[in-house]
Amino acid sequence: MIPGVVLAAGASSRMGRSKALLPIGATGQTFLSQLVEAFWSGGVDDVVVVVSALSGDVAPALEHCSRPPRLVVNPHPERGQLSSLHAALGAVDRPGVTGMLVTLVDAPLVSPETVRRVLEVFRAGEGPIVRPASGDTHGHPVAFGRAMFDDLRGADETVGTKAVIRAHEASIVNVAIDDPGAFTDIDTPEDYARLIGPWPFADRVR
């Protein structure tokens, strides 16, 4: 069993508003709902979304998902991204779970096909960490095997998952992916305008 985890508890300070609730053009989807659908369509067994008081009211954005995700609250988002991953581990680590597939809400354009391919390679048992790659660029989502869970729990919050990835660099499986969305982070209104369309709020891109 492999759950998918979307980390959406951050302050989105550079965006100026919750990234999770930003619309994907005129599709009717938000960053968050599009990722949830990509995970379900890509074949995960469960979807967990980590939120916080900084995320805004995400429930309306998830009402029309084909299947609802589970919401997990990170009570201390100020501690950084790893604190959200720890909250996710508390929800997904149970007997029968062989790993988890993790992405950031910053990367809403990842395709279901990318999710499916990363899962396929991970389920084949080719590595404890599996991630999309395009040349030397690495993207999302990233699959962490169960053997990595304790390392993630013990990692330094100031460094985050990078310390775990560096420690296992030699055994990481990089999957060649032809999907620009897997390597696209949308962090600012300028990014939004360039990659999705006109900024849809009164505060214009400067």
N, C-alpha and C. Protein backbone atom coordinates (compact mmCIF):
# COMPACT_ATOMS: atom_id res chain seq x y z
N MET A 1 0.85 -1.19 0.00
CA MET A 1 0.00 0.00 0.00
C MET A 1 0.89 1.25 0.00
N ILE A 2 0.62 2.16 -0.92
CA ILE A 2 1.43 3.37 -1.04
C ILE A 2 0.49 4.58 -1.05
N PRO A 3 0.46 5.35 0.02
CA PRO A 3 -0.32 6.59 0.02
C PRO A 3 0.43 7.72 -0.67
N GLY A 4 -0.33 8.67 -1.18
CA GLY A 4 0.23 9.90 -1.71
C GLY A 4 0.06 11.02 -0.69
N VAL A 5 1.06 11.86 -0.56
CA VAL A 5 1.06 12.94 0.43
C VAL A 5 1.29 14.26 -0.29
N VAL A 6 0.40 15.22 -0.05
CA VAL A 6 0.57 16.57 -0.58
C VAL A 6 0.87 17.50 0.59
N LEU A 7 2.00 18.16 0.55
CA LEU A 7 2.39 19.08 1.62
C LEU A 7 1.88 20.48 1.27
N ALA A 8 0.90 20.96 2.06
CA ALA A 8 0.25 22.23 1.74
C ALA A 8 0.06 23.10 2.98
N ALA A 9 0.99 22.98 3.92
CA ALA A 9 0.83 23.68 5.20
C ALA A 9 1.64 24.96 5.31
N GLY A 10 2.40 25.31 4.27
CA GLY A 10 3.29 26.46 4.36
C GLY A 10 2.59 27.79 4.30
N ALA A 11 3.35 28.84 4.56
CA ALA A 11 2.79 30.19 4.62
C ALA A 11 2.58 30.82 3.25
N SER A 12 3.20 30.26 2.20
CA SER A 12 3.10 30.83 0.85
C SER A 12 3.44 32.32 0.85
N SER A 13 4.48 32.67 1.58
CA SER A 13 4.80 34.09 1.80
C SER A 13 5.15 34.80 0.50
N ARG A 14 5.85 34.14 -0.42
CA ARG A 14 6.21 34.79 -1.69
C ARG A 14 5.01 34.96 -2.62
N MET A 15 4.02 34.06 -2.45
CA MET A 15 2.82 34.16 -3.28
C MET A 15 1.86 35.20 -2.73
N GLY A 16 1.89 35.42 -1.42
CA GLY A 16 1.01 36.40 -0.81
C GLY A 16 -0.38 35.89 -0.48
N ARG A 17 -0.65 34.62 -0.76
CA ARG A 17 -1.92 33.98 -0.43
C ARG A 17 -1.72 32.47 -0.52
N SER A 18 -2.68 31.70 -0.01
CA SER A 18 -2.53 30.26 0.02
C SER A 18 -2.38 29.67 -1.38
N LYS A 19 -1.28 28.98 -1.62
CA LYS A 19 -1.08 28.33 -2.91
C LYS A 19 -2.13 27.25 -3.15
N ALA A 20 -2.50 26.56 -2.09
CA ALA A 20 -3.43 25.44 -2.22
C ALA A 20 -4.73 25.86 -2.89
N LEU A 21 -5.14 27.11 -2.69
CA LEU A 21 -6.45 27.57 -3.16
C LEU A 21 -6.37 28.35 -4.48
N LEU A 22 -5.19 28.49 -5.05
CA LEU A 22 -5.07 29.22 -6.30
C LEU A 22 -5.73 28.43 -7.44
N PRO A 23 -6.45 29.10 -8.32
CA PRO A 23 -7.10 28.40 -9.42
C PRO A 23 -6.12 28.04 -10.53
N ILE A 24 -6.41 26.92 -11.20
CA ILE A 24 -5.65 26.54 -12.39
C ILE A 24 -6.41 27.09 -13.60
N GLY A 25 -6.17 28.33 -13.94
CA GLY A 25 -6.88 28.95 -15.05
C GLY A 25 -8.38 28.86 -14.88
N ALA A 26 -9.07 28.46 -15.95
CA ALA A 26 -10.53 28.35 -15.92
C ALA A 26 -10.99 26.90 -15.82
N THR A 27 -10.14 26.02 -15.33
CA THR A 27 -10.46 24.59 -15.28
C THR A 27 -11.44 24.24 -14.17
N GLY A 28 -11.59 25.13 -13.19
CA GLY A 28 -12.39 24.81 -12.02
C GLY A 28 -11.58 24.11 -10.94
N GLN A 29 -10.33 23.79 -11.24
CA GLN A 29 -9.46 23.15 -10.27
C GLN A 29 -8.60 24.19 -9.56
N THR A 30 -8.16 23.84 -8.36
CA THR A 30 -7.15 24.60 -7.64
C THR A 30 -5.84 23.82 -7.66
N PHE A 31 -4.77 24.48 -7.20
CA PHE A 31 -3.51 23.75 -7.09
C PHE A 31 -3.73 22.44 -6.34
N LEU A 32 -4.43 22.54 -5.19
CA LEU A 32 -4.59 21.37 -4.34
C LEU A 32 -5.46 20.30 -4.98
N SER A 33 -6.63 20.70 -5.48
CA SER A 33 -7.53 19.69 -6.03
C SER A 33 -6.93 19.01 -7.26
N GLN A 34 -6.18 19.76 -8.06
CA GLN A 34 -5.55 19.15 -9.23
C GLN A 34 -4.53 18.10 -8.83
N LEU A 35 -3.75 18.38 -7.78
CA LEU A 35 -2.78 17.39 -7.31
C LEU A 35 -3.46 16.16 -6.73
N VAL A 36 -4.53 16.37 -5.97
CA VAL A 36 -5.26 15.24 -5.41
C VAL A 36 -5.77 14.34 -6.54
N GLU A 37 -6.34 14.94 -7.59
CA GLU A 37 -6.84 14.16 -8.72
C GLU A 37 -5.71 13.45 -9.46
N ALA A 38 -4.56 14.13 -9.60
CA ALA A 38 -3.42 13.50 -10.27
C ALA A 38 -2.94 12.27 -9.49
N PHE A 39 -2.96 12.38 -8.17
CA PHE A 39 -2.55 11.24 -7.35
C PHE A 39 -3.54 10.08 -7.48
N TRP A 40 -4.84 10.37 -7.37
CA TRP A 40 -5.82 9.30 -7.53
C TRP A 40 -5.71 8.66 -8.90
N SER A 41 -5.63 9.48 -9.93
CA SER A 41 -5.57 8.95 -11.30
C SER A 41 -4.28 8.18 -11.53
N GLY A 42 -3.21 8.57 -10.84
CA GLY A 42 -1.93 7.91 -11.00
C GLY A 42 -1.80 6.60 -10.27
N GLY A 43 -2.75 6.27 -9.38
CA GLY A 43 -2.76 4.94 -8.79
C GLY A 43 -2.33 4.81 -7.35
N VAL A 44 -2.29 5.91 -6.59
CA VAL A 44 -1.97 5.76 -5.16
C VAL A 44 -3.15 5.09 -4.45
N ASP A 45 -2.88 4.55 -3.26
CA ASP A 45 -3.91 3.84 -2.51
C ASP A 45 -4.66 4.72 -1.53
N ASP A 46 -4.14 5.90 -1.28
CA ASP A 46 -4.71 6.82 -0.29
C ASP A 46 -4.10 8.18 -0.60
N VAL A 47 -4.80 9.25 -0.28
CA VAL A 47 -4.22 10.59 -0.44
C VAL A 47 -4.38 11.33 0.89
N VAL A 48 -3.27 11.84 1.38
CA VAL A 48 -3.23 12.62 2.61
C VAL A 48 -2.73 14.02 2.26
N VAL A 49 -3.46 15.03 2.71
CA VAL A 49 -3.06 16.42 2.50
C VAL A 49 -2.72 17.02 3.86
N VAL A 50 -1.51 17.53 4.00
CA VAL A 50 -1.10 18.17 5.25
C VAL A 50 -1.36 19.66 5.13
N VAL A 51 -2.17 20.19 6.04
CA VAL A 51 -2.55 21.59 6.04
C VAL A 51 -2.23 22.21 7.40
N SER A 52 -2.44 23.51 7.48
CA SER A 52 -2.27 24.22 8.74
C SER A 52 -3.22 25.41 8.74
N ALA A 53 -3.15 26.19 9.80
CA ALA A 53 -3.97 27.40 9.85
C ALA A 53 -3.59 28.38 8.75
N LEU A 54 -2.41 28.20 8.15
CA LEU A 54 -1.94 29.08 7.08
C LEU A 54 -2.50 28.70 5.72
N SER A 55 -3.13 27.52 5.61
CA SER A 55 -3.56 27.01 4.32
C SER A 55 -4.86 27.60 3.82
N GLY A 56 -5.63 28.22 4.71
CA GLY A 56 -6.96 28.68 4.33
C GLY A 56 -7.96 27.54 4.42
N ASP A 57 -9.20 27.81 4.03
CA ASP A 57 -10.27 26.80 4.09
C ASP A 57 -10.20 25.95 2.83
N VAL A 58 -9.56 24.80 2.94
CA VAL A 58 -9.35 23.96 1.76
C VAL A 58 -10.55 23.07 1.45
N ALA A 59 -11.46 22.91 2.40
CA ALA A 59 -12.57 21.98 2.19
C ALA A 59 -13.37 22.27 0.92
N PRO A 60 -13.77 23.53 0.64
CA PRO A 60 -14.52 23.78 -0.60
C PRO A 60 -13.74 23.42 -1.86
N ALA A 61 -12.44 23.55 -1.81
CA ALA A 61 -11.61 23.23 -2.98
C ALA A 61 -11.56 21.74 -3.26
N LEU A 62 -11.96 20.93 -2.28
CA LEU A 62 -11.87 19.48 -2.43
C LEU A 62 -13.23 18.82 -2.61
N GLU A 63 -14.30 19.62 -2.58
CA GLU A 63 -15.65 19.07 -2.62
C GLU A 63 -15.93 18.27 -3.90
N HIS A 64 -15.33 18.68 -5.00
CA HIS A 64 -15.64 18.04 -6.27
C HIS A 64 -14.59 17.04 -6.72
N CYS A 65 -13.69 16.68 -5.82
CA CYS A 65 -12.72 15.65 -6.15
C CYS A 65 -13.43 14.31 -6.32
N SER A 66 -12.91 13.46 -7.18
CA SER A 66 -13.54 12.17 -7.41
C SER A 66 -13.59 11.33 -6.14
N ARG A 67 -12.59 11.49 -5.30
CA ARG A 67 -12.56 10.88 -3.97
C ARG A 67 -11.92 11.88 -3.02
N PRO A 68 -12.45 12.03 -1.83
CA PRO A 68 -11.86 13.01 -0.91
C PRO A 68 -10.55 12.50 -0.33
N PRO A 69 -9.58 13.39 -0.13
CA PRO A 69 -8.37 13.01 0.57
C PRO A 69 -8.60 13.08 2.07
N ARG A 70 -7.64 12.57 2.80
CA ARG A 70 -7.63 12.76 4.26
C ARG A 70 -6.85 14.03 4.57
N LEU A 71 -7.38 14.86 5.46
CA LEU A 71 -6.69 16.07 5.87
C LEU A 71 -6.00 15.83 7.21
N VAL A 72 -4.74 16.21 7.28
CA VAL A 72 -3.94 16.10 8.50
C VAL A 72 -3.41 17.49 8.81
N VAL A 73 -3.54 17.92 10.06
CA VAL A 73 -3.12 19.26 10.46
C VAL A 73 -1.71 19.24 11.04
N ASN A 74 -0.87 20.10 10.50
CA ASN A 74 0.45 20.34 11.09
C ASN A 74 0.30 21.51 12.07
N PRO A 75 0.42 21.25 13.37
CA PRO A 75 0.22 22.33 14.33
C PRO A 75 1.39 23.31 14.41
N HIS A 76 2.52 22.96 13.81
CA HIS A 76 3.72 23.80 13.91
C HIS A 76 4.34 24.02 12.52
N PRO A 77 3.62 24.63 11.59
CA PRO A 77 4.18 24.81 10.24
C PRO A 77 5.40 25.71 10.22
N GLU A 78 5.55 26.54 11.26
CA GLU A 78 6.71 27.43 11.31
C GLU A 78 8.03 26.66 11.42
N ARG A 79 7.94 25.38 11.75
CA ARG A 79 9.15 24.56 11.86
C ARG A 79 9.65 24.07 10.50
N GLY A 80 8.90 24.35 9.46
CA GLY A 80 9.37 24.01 8.13
C GLY A 80 8.72 22.78 7.53
N GLN A 81 9.15 22.50 6.31
CA GLN A 81 8.55 21.45 5.49
C GLN A 81 8.62 20.08 6.14
N LEU A 82 9.74 19.80 6.81
CA LEU A 82 9.90 18.49 7.41
C LEU A 82 8.86 18.24 8.51
N SER A 83 8.43 19.30 9.18
CA SER A 83 7.40 19.12 10.21
C SER A 83 6.09 18.63 9.58
N SER A 84 5.81 19.06 8.36
CA SER A 84 4.63 18.57 7.65
C SER A 84 4.79 17.11 7.26
N LEU A 85 6.00 16.74 6.88
CA LEU A 85 6.25 15.35 6.53
C LEU A 85 6.11 14.46 7.76
N HIS A 86 6.55 14.96 8.91
CA HIS A 86 6.36 14.20 10.14
C HIS A 86 4.89 14.02 10.46
N ALA A 87 4.09 15.06 10.25
CA ALA A 87 2.64 14.94 10.46
C ALA A 87 2.05 13.90 9.52
N ALA A 88 2.52 13.87 8.28
CA ALA A 88 2.04 12.88 7.31
C ALA A 88 2.41 11.47 7.75
N LEU A 89 3.64 11.29 8.22
CA LEU A 89 4.07 9.97 8.66
C LEU A 89 3.19 9.45 9.79
N GLY A 90 2.78 10.34 10.68
CA GLY A 90 1.90 9.93 11.77
C GLY A 90 0.58 9.40 11.27
N ALA A 91 0.17 9.85 10.08
CA ALA A 91 -1.11 9.43 9.52
C ALA A 91 -1.00 8.19 8.64
N VAL A 92 0.14 8.01 7.97
CA VAL A 92 0.22 6.94 6.97
C VAL A 92 1.01 5.72 7.43
N ASP A 93 1.85 5.84 8.44
CA ASP A 93 2.72 4.73 8.83
C ASP A 93 1.93 3.71 9.63
N ARG A 94 1.52 2.67 8.94
CA ARG A 94 0.77 1.59 9.57
C ARG A 94 1.09 0.29 8.85
N PRO A 95 0.75 -0.86 9.42
CA PRO A 95 1.07 -2.13 8.76
C PRO A 95 0.50 -2.19 7.34
N GLY A 96 1.31 -2.71 6.44
CA GLY A 96 0.89 -2.84 5.05
C GLY A 96 1.36 -1.71 4.16
N VAL A 97 1.79 -0.60 4.75
CA VAL A 97 2.30 0.53 3.96
C VAL A 97 3.76 0.27 3.62
N THR A 98 4.08 0.28 2.35
CA THR A 98 5.45 -0.02 1.92
C THR A 98 6.25 1.24 1.57
N GLY A 99 5.58 2.38 1.51
CA GLY A 99 6.25 3.63 1.21
C GLY A 99 5.23 4.73 1.07
N MET A 100 5.69 5.91 0.71
CA MET A 100 4.76 7.02 0.45
C MET A 100 5.31 7.86 -0.68
N LEU A 101 4.37 8.46 -1.40
CA LEU A 101 4.70 9.32 -2.54
C LEU A 101 4.41 10.75 -2.12
N VAL A 102 5.42 11.62 -2.18
CA VAL A 102 5.32 12.95 -1.61
C VAL A 102 5.50 14.02 -2.68
N THR A 103 4.65 15.05 -2.63
CA THR A 103 4.83 16.20 -3.48
C THR A 103 4.49 17.47 -2.72
N LEU A 104 4.90 18.59 -3.27
CA LEU A 104 4.59 19.90 -2.70
C LEU A 104 3.42 20.51 -3.45
N VAL A 105 2.62 21.30 -2.76
CA VAL A 105 1.52 21.99 -3.43
C VAL A 105 2.05 23.02 -4.42
N ASP A 106 3.32 23.36 -4.31
CA ASP A 106 3.99 24.28 -5.25
C ASP A 106 4.06 23.72 -6.67
N ALA A 107 3.88 22.41 -6.82
CA ALA A 107 4.07 21.76 -8.13
C ALA A 107 2.76 21.16 -8.62
N PRO A 108 1.77 22.01 -8.93
CA PRO A 108 0.43 21.50 -9.23
C PRO A 108 0.26 20.92 -10.63
N LEU A 109 1.25 21.07 -11.49
CA LEU A 109 1.08 20.68 -12.89
C LEU A 109 1.62 19.29 -13.20
N VAL A 110 2.06 18.57 -12.18
CA VAL A 110 2.55 17.20 -12.41
C VAL A 110 1.41 16.34 -12.96
N SER A 111 1.72 15.48 -13.91
CA SER A 111 0.69 14.70 -14.58
C SER A 111 0.43 13.36 -13.88
N PRO A 112 -0.76 12.81 -14.06
CA PRO A 112 -1.03 11.46 -13.54
C PRO A 112 -0.07 10.42 -14.10
N GLU A 113 0.37 10.61 -15.34
CA GLU A 113 1.30 9.66 -15.95
C GLU A 113 2.63 9.64 -15.20
N THR A 114 3.08 10.80 -14.74
CA THR A 114 4.31 10.85 -13.94
C THR A 114 4.12 10.11 -12.62
N VAL A 115 3.00 10.37 -11.97
CA VAL A 115 2.69 9.65 -10.72
C VAL A 115 2.72 8.15 -10.97
N ARG A 116 2.06 7.72 -12.03
CA ARG A 116 1.98 6.29 -12.35
C ARG A 116 3.36 5.69 -12.61
N ARG A 117 4.20 6.42 -13.33
CA ARG A 117 5.53 5.88 -13.66
C ARG A 117 6.42 5.78 -12.44
N VAL A 118 6.40 6.79 -11.58
CA VAL A 118 7.21 6.73 -10.35
C VAL A 118 6.75 5.57 -9.47
N LEU A 119 5.44 5.41 -9.35
CA LEU A 119 4.91 4.28 -8.57
C LEU A 119 5.33 2.94 -9.17
N GLU A 120 5.28 2.84 -10.48
CA GLU A 120 5.64 1.60 -11.16
C GLU A 120 7.07 1.21 -10.84
N VAL A 121 7.98 2.17 -10.93
CA VAL A 121 9.39 1.88 -10.65
C VAL A 121 9.58 1.56 -9.18
N PHE A 122 8.91 2.31 -8.31
CA PHE A 122 9.05 2.05 -6.89
C PHE A 122 8.53 0.65 -6.54
N ARG A 123 7.36 0.30 -7.08
CA ARG A 123 6.78 -1.01 -6.77
C ARG A 123 7.63 -2.15 -7.30
N ALA A 124 8.44 -1.88 -8.31
CA ALA A 124 9.35 -2.91 -8.83
C ALA A 124 10.53 -3.16 -7.89
N GLY A 125 10.63 -2.34 -6.83
CA GLY A 125 11.66 -2.55 -5.82
C GLY A 125 13.03 -2.11 -6.23
N GLU A 126 13.11 -1.12 -7.09
CA GLU A 126 14.41 -0.74 -7.62
C GLU A 126 15.19 0.24 -6.73
N GLY A 127 14.60 0.78 -5.70
CA GLY A 127 15.35 1.70 -4.85
C GLY A 127 14.52 2.18 -3.68
N PRO A 128 15.19 2.62 -2.60
CA PRO A 128 14.46 3.12 -1.44
C PRO A 128 13.89 4.51 -1.65
N ILE A 129 14.44 5.24 -2.63
CA ILE A 129 13.93 6.56 -3.00
C ILE A 129 13.86 6.59 -4.52
N VAL A 130 12.70 6.99 -5.05
CA VAL A 130 12.51 7.07 -6.50
C VAL A 130 11.97 8.46 -6.82
N ARG A 131 12.56 9.10 -7.82
CA ARG A 131 12.13 10.46 -8.14
C ARG A 131 12.21 10.71 -9.65
N PRO A 132 11.40 11.63 -10.16
CA PRO A 132 11.51 12.00 -11.57
C PRO A 132 12.82 12.73 -11.85
N ALA A 133 13.32 12.54 -13.06
CA ALA A 133 14.55 13.23 -13.45
C ALA A 133 14.49 13.60 -14.92
N SER A 134 15.11 14.74 -15.21
CA SER A 134 15.30 15.18 -16.59
C SER A 134 16.72 15.73 -16.66
N GLY A 135 17.64 14.93 -17.17
CA GLY A 135 19.05 15.31 -17.09
C GLY A 135 19.48 15.36 -15.63
N ASP A 136 20.04 16.50 -15.24
CA ASP A 136 20.47 16.66 -13.84
C ASP A 136 19.40 17.30 -12.96
N THR A 137 18.22 17.52 -13.50
CA THR A 137 17.14 18.15 -12.75
C THR A 137 16.24 17.07 -12.14
N HIS A 138 15.90 17.26 -10.88
CA HIS A 138 15.05 16.31 -10.18
C HIS A 138 13.74 16.98 -9.78
N GLY A 139 12.66 16.21 -9.81
CA GLY A 139 11.35 16.80 -9.59
C GLY A 139 10.50 16.06 -8.59
N HIS A 140 9.20 16.23 -8.72
CA HIS A 140 8.20 15.65 -7.85
C HIS A 140 7.17 14.88 -8.69
N PRO A 141 6.53 13.90 -8.05
CA PRO A 141 6.61 13.48 -6.66
C PRO A 141 7.79 12.53 -6.40
N VAL A 142 8.16 12.40 -5.14
CA VAL A 142 9.25 11.53 -4.72
C VAL A 142 8.68 10.39 -3.89
N ALA A 143 9.07 9.17 -4.21
CA ALA A 143 8.65 8.01 -3.43
C ALA A 143 9.73 7.67 -2.40
N PHE A 144 9.31 7.57 -1.15
CA PHE A 144 10.19 7.15 -0.06
C PHE A 144 9.72 5.79 0.44
N GLY A 145 10.63 4.81 0.43
CA GLY A 145 10.30 3.50 0.95
C GLY A 145 10.16 3.51 2.46
N ARG A 146 9.49 2.51 2.97
CA ARG A 146 9.28 2.42 4.42
C ARG A 146 10.59 2.45 5.20
N ALA A 147 11.64 1.90 4.60
CA ALA A 147 12.95 1.89 5.26
C ALA A 147 13.47 3.29 5.52
N MET A 148 12.93 4.28 4.81
CA MET A 148 13.36 5.67 4.98
C MET A 148 12.57 6.41 6.06
N PHE A 149 11.49 5.82 6.56
CA PHE A 149 10.62 6.55 7.48
C PHE A 149 11.34 7.00 8.75
N ASP A 150 12.14 6.11 9.33
CA ASP A 150 12.86 6.49 10.56
C ASP A 150 13.91 7.56 10.28
N ASP A 151 14.55 7.48 9.11
CA ASP A 151 15.52 8.51 8.75
C ASP A 151 14.83 9.87 8.61
N LEU A 152 13.64 9.88 8.01
CA LEU A 152 12.89 11.13 7.86
C LEU A 152 12.47 11.68 9.22
N ARG A 153 12.08 10.79 10.12
CA ARG A 153 11.69 11.24 11.47
C ARG A 153 12.87 11.83 12.22
N GLY A 154 14.06 11.30 11.97
CA GLY A 154 15.23 11.74 12.71
C GLY A 154 16.01 12.85 12.06
N ALA A 155 15.56 13.30 10.89
CA ALA A 155 16.31 14.33 10.16
C ALA A 155 16.21 15.67 10.85
N ASP A 156 17.21 16.49 10.65
CA ASP A 156 17.26 17.85 11.19
C ASP A 156 16.23 18.71 10.48
N GLU A 157 15.32 19.32 11.24
CA GLU A 157 14.27 20.13 10.63
C GLU A 157 14.83 21.33 9.88
N THR A 158 16.00 21.79 10.25
CA THR A 158 16.57 22.96 9.56
C THR A 158 17.14 22.59 8.19
N VAL A 159 17.38 21.30 7.98
CA VAL A 159 17.91 20.83 6.70
C VAL A 159 16.80 20.20 5.87
N GLY A 160 15.88 19.51 6.53
CA GLY A 160 14.75 18.89 5.85
C GLY A 160 15.11 17.58 5.17
N THR A 161 14.34 17.22 4.15
CA THR A 161 14.53 15.93 3.48
C THR A 161 15.84 15.86 2.71
N LYS A 162 16.46 17.01 2.45
CA LYS A 162 17.71 17.00 1.67
C LYS A 162 18.78 16.15 2.35
N ALA A 163 18.81 16.17 3.68
CA ALA A 163 19.82 15.39 4.40
C ALA A 163 19.61 13.90 4.16
N VAL A 164 18.36 13.45 4.15
CA VAL A 164 18.07 12.03 3.91
C VAL A 164 18.41 11.66 2.48
N ILE A 165 18.06 12.52 1.54
CA ILE A 165 18.35 12.25 0.14
C ILE A 165 19.86 12.19 -0.10
N ARG A 166 20.59 13.11 0.50
CA ARG A 166 22.05 13.10 0.33
C ARG A 166 22.66 11.84 0.92
N ALA A 167 22.14 11.39 2.06
CA ALA A 167 22.69 10.21 2.72
C ALA A 167 22.48 8.94 1.91
N HIS A 168 21.47 8.94 1.04
CA HIS A 168 21.16 7.74 0.25
C HIS A 168 21.33 7.99 -1.25
N GLU A 169 22.14 8.99 -1.59
CA GLU A 169 22.30 9.40 -2.98
C GLU A 169 22.68 8.23 -3.88
N ALA A 170 23.52 7.36 -3.40
CA ALA A 170 24.03 6.27 -4.25
C ALA A 170 22.94 5.27 -4.62
N SER A 171 21.89 5.17 -3.83
CA SER A 171 20.86 4.17 -4.09
C SER A 171 19.55 4.76 -4.61
N ILE A 172 19.53 6.07 -4.86
CA ILE A 172 18.32 6.71 -5.41
C ILE A 172 18.13 6.27 -6.86
N VAL A 173 16.90 6.01 -7.22
CA VAL A 173 16.57 5.71 -8.61
C VAL A 173 15.96 6.95 -9.24
N ASN A 174 16.60 7.46 -10.26
CA ASN A 174 16.10 8.61 -11.01
C ASN A 174 15.38 8.11 -12.25
N VAL A 175 14.11 8.44 -12.36
CA VAL A 175 13.28 7.96 -13.46
C VAL A 175 13.18 9.04 -14.52
N ALA A 176 13.60 8.73 -15.73
CA ALA A 176 13.53 9.71 -16.81
C ALA A 176 12.06 10.01 -17.12
N ILE A 177 11.68 11.27 -16.98
CA ILE A 177 10.28 11.70 -17.13
C ILE A 177 10.22 12.85 -18.13
N ASP A 178 9.32 12.74 -19.09
CA ASP A 178 9.09 13.81 -20.05
C ASP A 178 7.79 14.52 -19.66
N ASP A 179 7.86 15.32 -18.61
CA ASP A 179 6.69 16.02 -18.08
C ASP A 179 7.16 17.31 -17.43
N PRO A 180 7.07 18.44 -18.11
CA PRO A 180 7.54 19.70 -17.53
C PRO A 180 6.91 19.99 -16.17
N GLY A 181 5.66 19.55 -15.96
CA GLY A 181 5.00 19.83 -14.69
C GLY A 181 5.68 19.19 -13.50
N ALA A 182 6.41 18.10 -13.73
CA ALA A 182 7.11 17.43 -12.63
C ALA A 182 8.29 18.25 -12.13
N PHE A 183 8.72 19.23 -12.91
CA PHE A 183 9.90 20.02 -12.57
C PHE A 183 9.58 21.51 -12.44
N THR A 184 8.29 21.82 -12.30
CA THR A 184 7.86 23.22 -12.29
C THR A 184 7.30 23.59 -10.93
N ASP A 185 7.99 24.47 -10.22
CA ASP A 185 7.49 25.03 -8.96
C ASP A 185 6.89 26.40 -9.25
N ILE A 186 5.73 26.66 -8.67
CA ILE A 186 5.07 27.95 -8.84
C ILE A 186 5.03 28.63 -7.48
N ASP A 187 5.93 29.60 -7.28
CA ASP A 187 6.14 30.17 -5.95
C ASP A 187 5.73 31.63 -5.82
N THR A 188 5.56 32.33 -6.94
CA THR A 188 5.28 33.77 -6.91
C THR A 188 4.17 34.11 -7.90
N PRO A 189 3.54 35.28 -7.75
CA PRO A 189 2.58 35.71 -8.77
C PRO A 189 3.18 35.78 -10.16
N GLU A 190 4.45 36.13 -10.25
CA GLU A 190 5.12 36.18 -11.55
C GLU A 190 5.20 34.78 -12.16
N ASP A 191 5.53 33.78 -11.34
CA ASP A 191 5.53 32.40 -11.83
C ASP A 191 4.13 32.01 -12.33
N TYR A 192 3.13 32.37 -11.55
CA TYR A 192 1.75 32.05 -11.92
C TYR A 192 1.41 32.65 -13.28
N ALA A 193 1.70 33.92 -13.45
CA ALA A 193 1.38 34.61 -14.70
C ALA A 193 2.11 34.00 -15.89
N ARG A 194 3.33 33.54 -15.67
CA ARG A 194 4.14 32.97 -16.75
C ARG A 194 3.69 31.57 -17.12
N LEU A 195 3.25 30.79 -16.12
CA LEU A 195 3.00 29.37 -16.36
C LEU A 195 1.53 28.99 -16.46
N ILE A 196 0.65 29.81 -15.88
CA ILE A 196 -0.77 29.47 -15.88
C ILE A 196 -1.61 30.49 -16.62
N GLY A 197 -1.42 31.76 -16.29
CA GLY A 197 -2.20 32.80 -16.95
C GLY A 197 -2.26 34.05 -16.11
N PRO A 198 -3.06 35.03 -16.50
CA PRO A 198 -3.12 36.29 -15.75
C PRO A 198 -3.44 36.07 -14.27
N TRP A 199 -2.78 36.84 -13.45
CA TRP A 199 -3.01 36.80 -12.00
C TRP A 199 -4.47 37.18 -11.74
N PRO A 200 -5.25 36.29 -11.09
CA PRO A 200 -6.71 36.49 -11.05
C PRO A 200 -7.22 37.33 -9.87
N PHE A 201 -6.34 38.06 -9.23
CA PHE A 201 -6.73 38.83 -8.05
C PHE A 201 -6.45 40.30 -8.25
N ALA A 202 -6.99 41.10 -7.34
CA ALA A 202 -6.87 42.56 -7.47
C ALA A 202 -5.43 43.03 -7.34
N ASP A 203 -4.64 42.33 -6.51
CA ASP A 203 -3.23 42.73 -6.37
C ASP A 203 -2.48 42.22 -7.60
N ARG A 204 -2.10 43.12 -8.46
CA ARG A 204 -1.48 42.78 -9.73
C ARG A 204 -0.01 42.39 -9.55
N VAL A 205 0.44 41.60 -10.51
CA VAL A 205 1.87 41.26 -10.53
C VAL A 205 2.65 42.53 -10.79
N ARG A 206 3.65 42.77 -9.95
CA ARG A 206 4.44 43.98 -10.10
C ARG A 206 5.62 43.73 -11.05
